[in-house]
Amino acid sequence: MTKEKTIDAMEHAREAHIEQMTKIKFLIEGKNIDSLTPVSKMKCEFGKWFYDDTQKIKSVLGVQFYESLDRIHEEWHIQYAKIHTIFMGAKEEGFFSKLFKTHKVDDLELEKAKVYYKDLEEITKDLLRLLETSKRRVQALSASKFS
C-alpha cells in the first residue's frame, strides 16, 4: 500500500466512524437505520482496513500506535455492542417488528442506551484523536517506508 492509499484509508476509517455515530444517534432518537456497524471490530470499515495487513500497518504506524488504536477500537466496539443489543437484541419480536425491522425498546433500556452513547462519544473522540495523530505520523514518513 502506498503512502497516499494509507492516508486515504485512514481518512475513510475516520469518516466511517463518524457516520456510524450519527446512525447510532438516530437509532436512539427512534429513527429506522439501515446498515449499522457490525458488532465485530474486524468487520467494520475501520477494522477491514486496520486488520487486513496487520504487519504492514504495525511497521508503518509503529507497534505502540498500532496497539493503542487496536485497544481503543476494541473498547469502542465493546461499548457499541451494549447499544446494539438494546436495539437489535435477542428479545422476542412479533411479525410486524420483523417486517419493519423495528424493535420496541422500553424507557429504561432507552435511558441505558443514552448513557452508553455518551460513553461511546468519549471513546470516539479518543479514537479519532489517536487516528489523526497516526495520520500525521504517516504523512511525515518517507514514501520509501511503504515499498
C-alpha atoms as a PDB file:
ATOM      1  CA  MET A   1       0.000   0.000   0.000  1.00  0.00           C
ATOM      2  CA  THR A   2       1.349   3.412  -0.938  1.00  0.00           C
ATOM      3  CA  LYS A   3       1.615   6.336   1.433  1.00  0.00           C
ATOM      4  CA  GLU A   4      -1.299   8.088  -0.278  1.00  0.00           C
ATOM      5  CA  LYS A   5      -3.514   4.983  -0.128  1.00  0.00           C
ATOM      6  CA  THR A   6      -2.664   4.532   3.546  1.00  0.00           C
ATOM      7  CA  ILE A   7      -3.649   8.124   4.318  1.00  0.00           C
ATOM      8  CA  ASP A   8      -6.849   7.731   2.259  1.00  0.00           C
ATOM      9  CA  ALA A   9      -7.703   4.512   4.125  1.00  0.00           C
ATOM     10  CA  MET A  10      -7.168   6.247   7.466  1.00  0.00           C
ATOM     11  CA  GLU A  11      -9.413   9.111   6.402  1.00  0.00           C
ATOM     12  CA  HIS A  12     -12.067   6.667   5.194  1.00  0.00           C
ATOM     13  CA  ALA A  13     -11.911   4.831   8.541  1.00  0.00           C
ATOM     14  CA  ARG A  14     -12.345   8.146  10.353  1.00  0.00           C
ATOM     15  CA  GLU A  15     -15.341   9.114   8.237  1.00  0.00           C
ATOM     16  CA  ALA A  16     -16.909   5.670   8.697  1.00  0.00           C
ATOM     17  CA  HIS A  17     -16.766   6.020  12.493  1.00  0.00           C
ATOM     18  CA  ILE A  18     -18.307   9.486  12.362  1.00  0.00           C
ATOM     19  CA  GLU A  19     -21.067   8.170  10.102  1.00  0.00           C
ATOM     20  CA  GLN A  20     -21.755   5.265  12.446  1.00  0.00           C
ATOM     21  CA  MET A  21     -22.009   7.601  15.426  1.00  0.00           C
ATOM     22  CA  THR A  22     -24.650   9.574  13.521  1.00  0.00           C
ATOM     23  CA  LYS A  23     -26.563   6.373  12.754  1.00  0.00           C
ATOM     24  CA  ILE A  24     -26.413   5.281  16.393  1.00  0.00           C
ATOM     25  CA  LYS A  25     -27.696   8.690  17.492  1.00  0.00           C
ATOM     26  CA  PHE A  26     -30.569   8.438  15.016  1.00  0.00           C
ATOM     27  CA  LEU A  27     -31.346   4.934  16.270  1.00  0.00           C
ATOM     28  CA  ILE A  28     -31.586   6.220  19.842  1.00  0.00           C
ATOM     29  CA  GLU A  29     -33.857   9.010  18.589  1.00  0.00           C
ATOM     30  CA  GLY A  30     -36.225   6.351  17.252  1.00  0.00           C
ATOM     31  CA  LYS A  31     -35.406   6.532  13.563  1.00  0.00           C
ATOM     32  CA  ASN A  32     -35.049   3.397  11.431  1.00  0.00           C
ATOM     33  CA  ILE A  33     -31.468   2.841  10.345  1.00  0.00           C
ATOM     34  CA  ASP A  34     -30.059   0.628   7.614  1.00  0.00           C
ATOM     35  CA  SER A  35     -26.641  -0.996   7.804  1.00  0.00           C
ATOM     36  CA  LEU A  36     -25.498  -0.452  11.350  1.00  0.00           C
ATOM     37  CA  THR A  37     -21.874  -1.178  12.110  1.00  0.00           C
ATOM     38  CA  PRO A  38     -21.143  -4.833  12.729  1.00  0.00           C
ATOM     39  CA  VAL A  39     -20.502  -5.611  16.377  1.00  0.00           C
ATOM     40  CA  SER A  40     -17.220  -7.335  15.495  1.00  0.00           C
ATOM     41  CA  LYS A  41     -14.252  -4.972  15.438  1.00  0.00           C
ATOM     42  CA  MET A  42     -12.869  -6.943  12.490  1.00  0.00           C
ATOM     43  CA  LYS A  43     -15.884  -6.356  10.230  1.00  0.00           C
ATOM     44  CA  CYS A  44     -16.499  -2.600  10.406  1.00  0.00           C
ATOM     45  CA  GLU A  45     -14.950  -0.290   7.803  1.00  0.00           C
ATOM     46  CA  PHE A  46     -12.117   0.664  10.160  1.00  0.00           C
ATOM     47  CA  GLY A  47     -11.494  -2.972  11.069  1.00  0.00           C
ATOM     48  CA  LYS A  48     -11.419  -4.111   7.456  1.00  0.00           C
ATOM     49  CA  TRP A  49      -8.545  -1.718   6.826  1.00  0.00           C
ATOM     50  CA  PHE A  50      -6.814  -1.996  10.187  1.00  0.00           C
ATOM     51  CA  TYR A  51      -6.753  -5.791  10.454  1.00  0.00           C
ATOM     52  CA  ASP A  52      -6.264  -6.556   6.752  1.00  0.00           C
ATOM     53  CA  ASP A  53      -2.462  -6.391   6.793  1.00  0.00           C
ATOM     54  CA  THR A  54      -1.534  -6.147  10.451  1.00  0.00           C
ATOM     55  CA  GLN A  55       2.228  -6.462   9.975  1.00  0.00           C
ATOM     56  CA  LYS A  56       2.379  -3.726   7.333  1.00  0.00           C
ATOM     57  CA  ILE A  57       0.272  -1.343   9.404  1.00  0.00           C
ATOM     58  CA  LYS A  58       2.348  -2.069  12.522  1.00  0.00           C
ATOM     59  CA  SER A  59       5.529  -1.322  10.591  1.00  0.00           C
ATOM     60  CA  VAL A  60       4.134   1.960   9.273  1.00  0.00           C
ATOM     61  CA  LEU A  61       2.472   3.189  12.474  1.00  0.00           C
ATOM     62  CA  GLY A  62       4.802   1.593  14.957  1.00  0.00           C
ATOM     63  CA  VAL A  63       3.787  -1.045  17.470  1.00  0.00           C
ATOM     64  CA  GLN A  64       2.820   1.470  20.167  1.00  0.00           C
ATOM     65  CA  PHE A  65       0.419   3.398  17.910  1.00  0.00           C
ATOM     66  CA  TYR A  66      -0.965   0.184  16.458  1.00  0.00           C
ATOM     67  CA  GLU A  67      -1.665  -1.301  19.877  1.00  0.00           C
ATOM     68  CA  SER A  68      -3.212   1.935  21.139  1.00  0.00           C
ATOM     69  CA  LEU A  69      -5.530   2.124  18.132  1.00  0.00           C
ATOM     70  CA  ASP A  70      -6.409  -1.542  18.499  1.00  0.00           C
ATOM     71  CA  ARG A  71      -7.203  -1.150  22.202  1.00  0.00           C
ATOM     72  CA  ILE A  72      -9.413   1.904  21.792  1.00  0.00           C
ATOM     73  CA  HIS A  73     -11.118   0.480  18.698  1.00  0.00           C
ATOM     74  CA  GLU A  74     -11.929  -2.677  20.635  1.00  0.00           C
ATOM     75  CA  GLU A  75     -13.214  -0.552  23.529  1.00  0.00           C
ATOM     76  CA  TRP A  76     -15.469   1.290  21.066  1.00  0.00           C
ATOM     77  CA  HIS A  77     -16.965  -1.974  19.845  1.00  0.00           C
ATOM     78  CA  ILE A  78     -17.497  -3.298  23.374  1.00  0.00           C
ATOM     79  CA  GLN A  79     -19.442  -0.150  24.271  1.00  0.00           C
ATOM     80  CA  TYR A  80     -21.276  -0.156  20.961  1.00  0.00           C
ATOM     81  CA  ALA A  81     -22.326  -3.803  21.479  1.00  0.00           C
ATOM     82  CA  LYS A  82     -24.326  -2.706  24.533  1.00  0.00           C
ATOM     83  CA  ILE A  83     -26.369  -0.306  22.402  1.00  0.00           C
ATOM     84  CA  HIS A  84     -26.664  -2.799  19.577  1.00  0.00           C
ATOM     85  CA  THR A  85     -28.052  -5.404  21.984  1.00  0.00           C
ATOM     86  CA  ILE A  86     -30.679  -2.993  23.271  1.00  0.00           C
ATOM     87  CA  PHE A  87     -31.990  -2.163  19.807  1.00  0.00           C
ATOM     88  CA  MET A  88     -31.281  -5.315  17.833  1.00  0.00           C
ATOM     89  CA  GLY A  89     -31.119  -7.715  20.735  1.00  0.00           C
ATOM     90  CA  ALA A  90     -32.385 -11.161  21.329  1.00  0.00           C
ATOM     91  CA  LYS A  91     -35.833 -10.169  22.589  1.00  0.00           C
ATOM     92  CA  GLU A  92     -38.786 -11.988  21.087  1.00  0.00           C
ATOM     93  CA  GLU A  93     -40.107  -9.987  18.173  1.00  0.00           C
ATOM     94  CA  GLY A  94     -43.521 -10.065  16.567  1.00  0.00           C
ATOM     95  CA  PHE A  95     -44.394 -10.291  12.908  1.00  0.00           C
ATOM     96  CA  PHE A  96     -44.618  -6.530  12.321  1.00  0.00           C
ATOM     97  CA  SER A  97     -41.363  -5.851  14.174  1.00  0.00           C
ATOM     98  CA  LYS A  98     -39.585  -8.296  11.890  1.00  0.00           C
ATOM     99  CA  LEU A  99     -41.346  -6.938   8.826  1.00  0.00           C
ATOM    100  CA  PHE A 100     -40.476  -3.304   9.542  1.00  0.00           C
ATOM    101  CA  LYS A 101     -37.129  -4.030  11.228  1.00  0.00           C
ATOM    102  CA  THR A 102     -38.166  -2.291  14.414  1.00  0.00           C
ATOM    103  CA  HIS A 103     -37.640  -3.372  17.958  1.00  0.00           C
ATOM    104  CA  LYS A 104     -39.674  -1.881  20.777  1.00  0.00           C
ATOM    105  CA  VAL A 105     -37.338  -0.555  23.430  1.00  0.00           C
ATOM    106  CA  ASP A 106     -38.755   0.224  26.848  1.00  0.00           C
ATOM    107  CA  ASP A 107     -37.957   3.519  28.581  1.00  0.00           C
ATOM    108  CA  LEU A 108     -35.388   2.044  30.977  1.00  0.00           C
ATOM    109  CA  GLU A 109     -33.478   0.399  28.125  1.00  0.00           C
ATOM    110  CA  LEU A 110     -33.622   3.639  26.144  1.00  0.00           C
ATOM    111  CA  GLU A 111     -32.111   5.545  29.081  1.00  0.00           C
ATOM    112  CA  LYS A 112     -29.340   2.948  29.309  1.00  0.00           C
ATOM    113  CA  ALA A 113     -28.682   3.350  25.592  1.00  0.00           C
ATOM    114  CA  LYS A 114     -28.373   7.119  26.026  1.00  0.00           C
ATOM    115  CA  VAL A 115     -25.798   6.655  28.800  1.00  0.00           C
ATOM    116  CA  TYR A 116     -23.892   4.120  26.698  1.00  0.00           C
ATOM    117  CA  TYR A 117     -23.976   6.578  23.794  1.00  0.00           C
ATOM    118  CA  LYS A 118     -22.415   9.333  25.926  1.00  0.00           C
ATOM    119  CA  ASP A 119     -19.610   6.940  26.837  1.00  0.00           C
ATOM    120  CA  LEU A 120     -19.294   5.968  23.178  1.00  0.00           C
ATOM    121  CA  GLU A 121     -18.933   9.642  22.238  1.00  0.00           C
ATOM    122  CA  GLU A 122     -15.942   9.963  24.589  1.00  0.00           C
ATOM    123  CA  ILE A 123     -14.342   6.813  23.229  1.00  0.00           C
ATOM    124  CA  THR A 124     -14.949   8.090  19.691  1.00  0.00           C
ATOM    125  CA  LYS A 125     -13.205  11.379  20.491  1.00  0.00           C
ATOM    126  CA  ASP A 126     -10.196   9.440  21.775  1.00  0.00           C
ATOM    127  CA  LEU A 127     -10.217   7.119  18.756  1.00  0.00           C
ATOM    128  CA  LEU A 128     -10.443   9.983  16.259  1.00  0.00           C
ATOM    129  CA  ARG A 129      -7.746  11.946  18.076  1.00  0.00           C
ATOM    130  CA  LEU A 130      -5.384   8.957  18.004  1.00  0.00           C
ATOM    131  CA  LEU A 131      -6.249   8.218  14.380  1.00  0.00           C
ATOM    132  CA  GLU A 132      -5.468  11.831  13.451  1.00  0.00           C
ATOM    133  CA  THR A 133      -2.143  11.643  15.287  1.00  0.00           C
ATOM    134  CA  SER A 134      -1.372   8.402  13.467  1.00  0.00           C
ATOM    135  CA  LYS A 135      -2.268  10.006  10.143  1.00  0.00           C
ATOM    136  CA  ARG A 136       0.114  12.904  10.810  1.00  0.00           C
ATOM    137  CA  ARG A 137       2.783  10.345  11.664  1.00  0.00           C
ATOM    138  CA  VAL A 138       2.205   8.576   8.337  1.00  0.00           C
ATOM    139  CA  GLN A 139       2.284  11.901   6.464  1.00  0.00           C
ATOM    140  CA  ALA A 140       5.701  12.605   7.956  1.00  0.00           C
ATOM    141  CA  LEU A 141       7.142   9.274   6.801  1.00  0.00           C
ATOM    142  CA  SER A 142       9.174   8.861   3.664  1.00  0.00           C
ATOM    143  CA  ALA A 143       7.369   7.226   0.743  1.00  0.00           C
ATOM    144  CA  SER A 144      10.104   4.580   0.714  1.00  0.00           C
ATOM    145  CA  LYS A 145       8.720   3.213   4.009  1.00  0.00           C
ATOM    146  CA  PHE A 146       5.705   1.970   2.035  1.00  0.00           C
ATOM    147  CA  SER A 147       7.526  -0.054  -0.637  1.00  0.00           C
END
